[in-house]
């Protein structure tokens, strides 16, 4: 699917991986609805990119909030062709049993609700709109891209909730591809390694350098633009479907 004159919804689009994706898509002539719960950053980004972009204050943990965002995007641009889910949260570096006792279930539920259930709520509502599109010359009506993590495969100590949420995204990718094949809608998931995003903002430069030393090649943290380039390629490459792609410079945690 060509990005030009298409409409994309990007969750978590005001910062990090999502922001880089928004900027890359706009450069290719795509209209974008930014879904984020940070209105200051979201409005500022939308204003800087012009009339091709709108900001929708959306909390992906709330179905009604997502529904309002979806309808706003359709009202503004007429359709939804692409959905990129970058919204998410970390797991709090909490062990199954730690010094303060068992893992707090409220935290576990919150991580799952945002990272997994929230993502599915967005993509399913977006897919419903995609199914109404006229197919292009190749029979395509839409493309969905989710963001997992290599923690889905190699979760570390303290990542049980985060790893569970991200492995859930890997697990739903193929069934969704099969569910949506009838409508000409594709889905793929990106599993990033260590990227220099706001989730690492609390780390010192020294700690970041230490993390980079464990990455085989190139031995550095990922650049958000590299994520955006892969997202763009997935949209353009019609034969990518039902697959999770690691983007990690050969890192194995």
Foldseek 3Di string as FASTA:
>chain_A
DQLALAEEEEEVLLWFLNVLLVVVSVVSHHQYEYEAQDVVSQVVSQVVSPLSYDYQDAQLLDLVRLVVSLVVSCVSRVAHAEYEYDDAAAQQLAACQDPVGGDPVVSLVVRLSRLAVSLVSNVVVNLVRLLPDDADPVQASHEYEYEAACCCVVPDRSRVSNNVNRVNVLVCFQVVLVVCVVSRYFYEYEHEYFAPIPNCVVDDPVVQLVCLCQQDPPSHHDYSNVSSVVVNVRVVDSPDGSYYHYHYNPHDD
